[in-house]
Protein backbone atom coordinates (compact mmCIF):
# COMPACT_ATOMS: atom_id res chain seq x y z
CA MET A 1 1.71 20.70 -11.97
CA GLN A 2 1.11 18.92 -8.69
CA ARG A 3 -0.55 15.55 -8.77
CA ILE A 4 -2.89 14.44 -6.04
CA PRO A 5 -2.68 10.77 -5.15
CA ILE A 6 -5.87 8.89 -5.81
CA ALA A 7 -5.85 7.57 -2.24
CA GLN A 8 -6.29 11.10 -0.92
CA LEU A 9 -9.43 11.77 -2.91
CA ARG A 10 -12.66 11.59 -0.96
CA VAL A 11 -15.63 10.39 -2.85
CA ALA A 12 -19.13 11.15 -1.54
CA VAL A 13 -21.23 8.05 -1.41
CA PHE A 14 -25.02 8.44 -1.37
CA ARG A 15 -26.88 5.64 0.29
CA ARG A 16 -30.48 5.01 -0.38
CA GLN A 17 -32.53 5.19 2.80
CA GLN A 18 -35.07 2.58 3.65
CA PRO A 19 -38.78 3.51 3.23
CA ALA A 20 -39.38 3.01 6.95
CA SER A 21 -36.76 5.63 7.80
CA LEU A 22 -38.23 8.12 5.34
CA PHE A 23 -41.70 7.58 6.76
CA ALA A 24 -40.44 8.14 10.31
CA HIS A 25 -38.80 11.43 9.33
CA LEU A 26 -41.94 12.54 7.48
CA ALA A 27 -44.18 11.67 10.42
CA PHE A 28 -41.87 13.50 12.81
CA GLY A 29 -41.94 16.61 10.62
CA ILE A 30 -45.74 16.55 10.43
CA LEU A 31 -45.97 16.16 14.20
CA ILE A 32 -43.66 19.12 14.83
CA GLY A 33 -45.61 21.24 12.34
CA ALA A 34 -48.92 20.37 13.98
CA VAL A 35 -47.62 21.26 17.43
CA ILE A 36 -46.30 24.60 16.21
CA GLY A 37 -49.47 25.29 14.25
CA LEU A 38 -51.71 24.68 17.24
CA SER A 39 -49.58 26.44 19.83
CA ALA A 40 -48.50 29.48 17.82
CA ARG A 41 -51.35 31.96 18.09
CA TYR A 42 -51.82 35.61 17.48
CA GLU A 43 -54.55 38.04 18.41
CA TYR A 44 -56.09 40.46 15.96
CA GLU A 45 -58.82 43.05 16.05
CA TRP A 46 -62.27 41.93 15.06
CA ASP A 47 -64.55 44.54 13.55
CA VAL A 48 -67.64 43.66 15.54
CA ARG A 49 -69.92 45.62 17.80
CA SER A 50 -71.85 42.92 19.60
CA PHE A 51 -71.43 39.21 20.09
CA GLY A 52 -74.45 36.97 19.75
CA ASP A 53 -77.82 38.66 19.89
CA SER A 54 -77.99 42.32 19.00
CA VAL A 55 -77.93 44.76 21.88
CA GLU A 56 -80.30 47.68 21.79
CA LEU A 57 -79.25 50.89 23.50
CA ALA A 58 -81.86 52.18 25.86
CA GLU A 59 -83.01 55.77 26.01
CA PRO A 60 -81.05 57.97 28.43
CA LEU A 61 -82.24 57.73 32.00
CA LYS A 62 -85.26 59.92 32.49
CA GLY A 63 -85.86 62.31 35.34
CA ASN A 64 -83.24 64.38 37.13
CA LEU A 65 -80.52 61.72 37.05
CA SER A 66 -77.02 62.76 36.04
CA ALA A 67 -73.85 60.83 35.27
CA GLU A 68 -73.00 60.85 38.97
CA ASP A 69 -76.14 58.84 39.66
CA VAL A 70 -74.60 55.84 37.90
CA TYR A 71 -73.19 53.69 40.70
CA VAL A 72 -69.78 52.33 39.69
CA ARG A 73 -67.85 49.65 41.56
CA CYS A 74 -64.19 49.25 40.62
CA VAL A 75 -62.69 45.83 41.32
CA ILE A 76 -58.92 45.50 40.89
CA VAL A 77 -57.20 42.12 40.76
CA VAL A 78 -53.49 42.45 41.54
CA TYR A 79 -51.46 40.00 39.46
CA LYS A 80 -49.47 37.70 41.72
CA ASN A 81 -46.20 37.92 39.76
CA ARG A 82 -46.24 41.69 39.29
CA ASP A 83 -43.22 43.62 40.56
CA LYS A 84 -43.72 46.70 42.76
CA LYS A 85 -47.34 45.88 43.55
CA SER A 86 -47.61 48.60 46.18
CA HIS A 87 -46.65 51.22 43.58
CA TYR A 88 -49.55 50.14 41.37
CA ILE A 89 -52.03 50.13 44.24
CA ASN A 90 -50.97 53.60 45.35
CA ALA A 91 -51.24 54.89 41.77
CA ILE A 92 -54.76 53.49 41.39
CA LYS A 93 -55.78 54.81 44.81
CA ASP A 94 -54.54 58.30 43.97
CA THR A 95 -56.09 58.42 40.49
CA TYR A 96 -59.27 56.87 39.13
CA ALA A 97 -60.25 54.77 42.16
CA SER A 98 -61.16 57.93 44.06
CA ARG A 99 -63.89 58.60 41.50
CA CYS A 100 -65.51 55.17 41.84
CA ASN A 101 -68.41 54.79 44.25
CA ARG A 102 -66.74 51.76 45.73
CA THR A 103 -63.47 49.89 45.22
CA LEU A 104 -62.25 46.44 46.13
CA TYR A 105 -58.76 44.97 45.73
CA PHE A 106 -58.00 41.25 45.37
CA MET A 107 -54.42 40.24 46.20
CA ASP A 108 -52.50 37.07 47.01
CA SER A 109 -49.99 38.63 49.42
CA LYS A 110 -50.86 38.75 53.11
CA LYS A 111 -48.07 41.24 53.67
CA LEU A 112 -49.46 43.51 50.97
CA GLN A 113 -52.95 43.27 52.45
CA ASP A 114 -51.65 44.26 55.89
CA GLU A 115 -49.90 47.25 54.33
CA PHE A 116 -53.16 48.68 52.95
CA ALA A 117 -55.62 47.20 55.45
CA GLU A 118 -56.36 50.49 57.21
CA GLU A 119 -57.07 52.56 54.10
CA LEU A 120 -58.37 50.19 51.42
CA PRO A 121 -60.94 47.37 51.25
CA THR A 122 -58.96 44.28 50.33
CA VAL A 123 -59.55 40.55 49.90
CA TYR A 124 -56.76 38.03 50.42
CA VAL A 125 -56.85 35.03 48.08
CA ASN A 126 -54.57 32.09 48.76
CA THR A 127 -54.34 30.35 45.39
CA TRP A 128 -51.86 29.70 42.62
CA GLN A 129 -54.44 30.72 40.01
CA THR A 130 -54.79 34.19 38.51
CA ALA A 131 -57.61 36.10 36.83
CA TYR A 132 -56.68 34.36 33.58
CA TYR A 133 -58.21 31.16 35.00
CA TRP A 134 -62.01 30.98 34.82
CA ASN A 135 -62.28 29.01 38.05
CA PHE A 136 -60.67 31.90 39.91
CA TYR A 137 -62.57 34.58 37.98
CA ARG A 138 -65.96 32.94 38.57
CA HIS A 139 -65.32 32.77 42.32
CA LEU A 140 -64.36 36.44 42.15
CA LEU A 141 -67.69 37.24 40.47
CA HIS A 142 -69.51 35.23 43.12
CA TYR A 143 -67.76 37.11 45.93
CA VAL A 144 -68.56 40.51 44.42
CA SER A 145 -72.17 39.50 43.73
CA THR A 146 -72.65 38.19 47.26
CA ASN A 147 -70.89 40.92 49.22
CA LEU A 148 -71.24 44.11 47.17
CA LEU A 149 -74.72 43.71 45.69
CA GLN A 150 -76.35 42.84 48.99
CA ASP A 151 -75.03 45.62 51.20
CA ASN A 152 -77.01 48.62 52.41
CA GLU A 153 -75.39 50.90 49.82
CA SER A 154 -76.44 48.72 46.92
CA PRO A 155 -78.05 50.75 44.11
CA LEU A 156 -80.56 47.93 43.66
CA ARG A 157 -82.18 49.10 46.90
CA LYS A 158 -82.15 52.74 45.84
CA GLY A 159 -83.42 52.22 42.32
CA ILE A 160 -80.20 53.63 40.81
CA THR A 161 -78.36 51.91 38.00
CA GLY A 162 -75.41 49.87 39.23
CA TRP A 163 -72.40 48.57 37.29
CA THR A 164 -69.16 46.78 38.17
CA ILE A 165 -65.90 47.07 36.24
CA ILE A 166 -63.25 44.41 36.83
CA GLY A 167 -59.64 44.67 35.69
CA ASP A 168 -56.05 44.21 36.75
CA GLU A 169 -53.60 46.64 38.35
CA GLN A 170 -52.33 47.80 34.94
CA MET A 171 -55.73 49.06 33.80
CA TYR A 172 -56.69 52.73 33.86
CA VAL A 173 -60.35 53.76 33.86
CA VAL A 174 -61.71 57.12 32.75
CA VAL A 175 -64.59 56.95 35.21
CA GLU A 176 -66.27 60.10 33.90
CA ASN A 177 -66.53 58.64 30.39
CA LEU A 178 -67.69 55.32 31.83
CA ARG A 179 -70.59 56.97 33.63
CA LYS A 180 -71.60 58.98 30.56
CA TYR A 181 -71.66 55.85 28.42
CA LEU A 182 -73.57 53.77 30.95
CA MET A 183 -76.32 56.38 31.09
CA LYS A 184 -77.31 55.21 27.58
CA MET A 185 -77.53 51.57 28.59
CA ASP A 186 -80.57 49.71 29.87
CA HIS A 187 -79.41 48.59 33.32
CA GLN A 188 -82.45 46.34 33.65
CA LYS A 189 -80.89 43.96 31.12
CA ALA A 190 -78.11 41.47 31.73
CA LEU A 191 -75.30 43.18 29.81
CA LEU A 192 -71.56 42.67 29.65
CA LEU A 193 -69.30 45.27 28.05
CA GLY A 194 -65.87 44.12 26.90
CA ARG A 195 -63.28 44.30 24.13
CA ILE A 196 -63.99 41.48 21.71
CA THR A 197 -61.07 40.15 19.66
CA GLN A 198 -60.12 36.88 18.01
CA THR A 199 -57.18 34.53 18.30
CA ARG A 200 -56.24 32.04 15.62
CA SER A 201 -53.57 29.41 15.15
CA LEU A 202 -51.46 28.84 12.06
CA LEU A 203 -53.52 25.78 11.17
CA SER A 204 -56.66 27.93 10.95
CA PHE A 205 -55.40 29.15 7.57
CA LEU A 206 -55.59 25.58 6.25
CA PHE A 207 -58.42 24.02 8.24
CA PRO A 208 -61.78 25.33 9.51
CA PHE A 209 -60.79 25.30 13.18
CA GLY A 210 -58.39 27.06 15.52
CA THR A 211 -60.18 30.43 15.58
CA HIS A 212 -61.76 31.64 18.82
CA ALA A 213 -63.50 34.81 19.94
CA ILE A 214 -62.26 36.15 23.26
CA ILE A 215 -62.86 39.09 25.59
CA SER A 216 -59.70 40.83 26.71
CA THR A 217 -59.17 40.79 30.48
CA ARG A 218 -56.55 43.53 30.16
CA ALA A 219 -59.12 45.97 28.77
CA GLY A 220 -61.46 45.30 31.69
CA MET A 221 -65.00 43.95 31.73
CA ILE A 222 -68.09 45.91 32.78
CA PHE A 223 -71.05 44.01 34.23
CA SER A 224 -74.56 45.16 34.91
CA ASP A 225 -75.86 43.92 38.26
CA LEU A 226 -78.08 41.32 36.58
CA ALA A 227 -75.20 40.05 34.45
CA LEU A 228 -72.92 39.84 37.48
CA LYS A 229 -75.39 37.72 39.40
CA ALA A 230 -76.13 35.47 36.41
CA MET A 231 -72.51 34.77 35.49
CA SER A 232 -71.51 33.90 39.05
CA SER A 233 -73.99 31.03 39.15
CA ASP A 234 -73.19 27.32 38.94
CA GLU A 235 -74.47 27.24 35.35
CA CYS A 236 -71.09 28.61 34.31
CA SER A 237 -69.08 25.79 35.84
CA GLY A 238 -68.21 22.31 34.63
CA TRP A 239 -65.90 20.65 32.17
CA MET A 240 -67.78 22.08 29.17
CA ILE A 241 -66.67 25.60 30.08
CA PRO A 242 -63.19 26.61 28.78
CA ALA A 243 -60.46 26.97 31.40
CA ALA A 244 -59.26 30.36 30.13
CA THR A 245 -61.27 33.35 31.35
CA GLU A 246 -61.17 35.19 28.02
CA ARG A 247 -62.97 32.30 26.30
CA ALA A 248 -65.06 31.10 29.24
CA VAL A 249 -66.75 34.48 29.64
CA ILE A 250 -68.27 34.21 26.17
CA SER A 251 -69.40 30.62 26.76
CA CYS A 252 -70.85 31.52 30.16
CA ALA A 253 -72.69 34.55 28.82
CA SER A 254 -74.31 32.36 26.17
CA ASN A 255 -75.45 29.86 28.80
CA VAL A 256 -77.13 32.43 31.06
CA ASP A 257 -78.49 34.78 28.35
CA VAL A 258 -76.13 37.67 29.02
CA GLN A 259 -75.65 39.96 26.04
CA ILE A 260 -72.13 41.13 25.18
CA LEU A 261 -71.36 44.53 23.69
CA ASP A 262 -68.08 46.04 22.48
CA PRO A 263 -68.56 49.80 23.10
CA VAL A 264 -67.77 52.30 20.34
CA ASP A 265 -68.33 56.02 19.88
CA LYS A 266 -70.27 57.76 17.11
CA GLU A 267 -67.29 57.50 14.77
CA GLY A 268 -66.94 53.78 15.34
CA MET A 269 -63.79 54.01 17.46
CA TYR A 270 -63.48 51.51 20.28
CA LEU A 271 -63.76 52.71 23.86
CA LEU A 272 -62.12 49.79 25.67
CA HIS A 273 -58.43 49.18 25.02
CA SER A 274 -56.06 46.45 26.17
CA LYS A 275 -53.00 48.56 25.31
CA THR A 276 -51.54 51.91 26.30
CA PRO A 277 -52.32 55.04 24.25
CA LYS A 278 -48.71 55.08 23.04
CA SER A 279 -48.99 51.51 21.77
CA LEU A 280 -52.23 52.29 19.97
CA VAL A 281 -50.85 55.22 17.98
CA PRO A 282 -49.99 53.98 14.45
CA THR A 283 -46.29 53.40 13.86
CA SER A 284 -46.53 52.70 10.14
CA PRO A 285 -44.46 54.62 7.57
CA GLY A 286 -47.58 56.63 6.78
CA TYR A 287 -46.93 58.60 9.95
CA GLY A 288 -43.22 59.16 9.41
CA ILE A 289 -41.07 61.42 7.23
CA GLY A 290 -42.52 61.83 3.79
CA ALA A 291 -45.99 60.79 4.85
CA ALA A 292 -47.50 63.64 2.86
CA TYR A 293 -46.13 62.11 -0.34
CA GLN A 294 -47.51 58.65 0.30
CA LYS A 295 -50.89 57.37 -0.71
CA GLY A 296 -53.03 54.97 1.21
CA ASN A 297 -55.27 54.96 4.24
CA VAL A 298 -53.97 54.06 7.67
CA LYS A 299 -56.46 53.00 10.32
CA VAL A 300 -56.10 55.08 13.47
CA GLU A 301 -57.03 53.15 16.60
CA CYS A 302 -56.27 55.79 19.20
CA CYS A 303 -58.05 57.41 20.65
CA SER A 304 -61.64 58.45 21.10
CA ASP A 305 -62.43 61.40 23.35
CA GLU A 306 -64.91 59.06 25.00
CA ALA A 307 -62.38 56.27 25.69
CA ILE A 308 -63.16 54.34 28.87
CA THR A 309 -60.21 52.04 29.60
CA PHE A 310 -56.57 51.49 28.73
CA GLY A 311 -54.57 48.42 29.65
CA ASP A 312 -50.98 47.26 30.05
CA MET A 313 -49.94 50.52 31.76
CA ASN A 314 -47.26 50.87 34.41
CA TYR A 315 -47.91 52.95 37.51
CA LYS A 316 -46.02 55.97 36.11
CA GLN A 317 -48.17 55.98 32.98
CA GLN A 318 -51.31 55.73 35.10
CA ARG A 319 -50.35 58.86 37.01
CA MET A 320 -49.36 60.65 33.82
CA ILE A 321 -52.60 59.95 31.96
CA ASP A 322 -54.59 60.99 35.02
CA PHE A 323 -52.67 64.26 35.17
CA LEU A 324 -53.16 64.94 31.46
CA SER A 325 -56.88 64.14 31.63
CA ARG A 326 -57.34 66.89 34.24
CA LEU A 327 -55.39 69.59 32.38
CA LYS A 328 -57.35 72.63 31.29
CA VAL A 329 -56.13 74.70 28.36
CA PHE A 330 -55.64 78.36 29.25
CA GLY A 331 -58.35 80.53 27.70
CA VAL A 332 -60.70 77.63 26.97
CA SER A 333 -63.68 77.25 29.27
């Protein structure tokens, strides 16, 4: 039996820390937790149809008007850090933009503007801000209101309903469905159509703050002419307005009496989407092998036949969905 010398034994010695040191560690932990709780946010769907005052749908336009009589302007804001910008612009130009009454592209690249100057209406913006900043977005609204609502082709001068949809280069718009839906809306009201969701921080589970309603910029926003003019005014500027567009839009709409609506179909399915159709299809186990033997209801988010927009799409997906939307099944009229 081998003996271990006592000198080689290591004895753990526990020292009692001073109260000041314990307090410093505790305060540091609380500070780190607060920072993480405030900064860590997630977005979730909010089962709501309208924000603020209720929005009443008007009767369909009377007379001989059809869906084509709804004047639609499509405004595309090209994100400054997006790769292959020209591919996106060409995809939009070849797909849904051709079905808009008028299109306008905002971009921060002079070289890109020169590339499409002869075939597309473009606006060059020299700024570090993007459409996620309300200061930039409000100036965009002001430009559209000043230059597109006052021209000779303005529907306000013809007595035809006019609407403007604004989104980024990754948005796809089913213009036919948009026109059909807008026929039910009262264009004489200041209305804003958008996808309403909520974001909340981790601290919102413990304290009554940290939850905010937002309107997704990726799903696109649809403005009536009156709403566009109202929200581009100086009443929506100042330090009281949030800096982020998704929150500032709601605050601005409240200030200028613009009603917000989150469009749905007769079955209650949303029509504006910030994600691709593939991302919206449920991926839960209820749709996998053995689904027939499982109980429980799975909410299906995608997709209504009357869907208007999809977001976060690359240029290949935009061309694909446009191709599929124009397919006609053999033998079906």
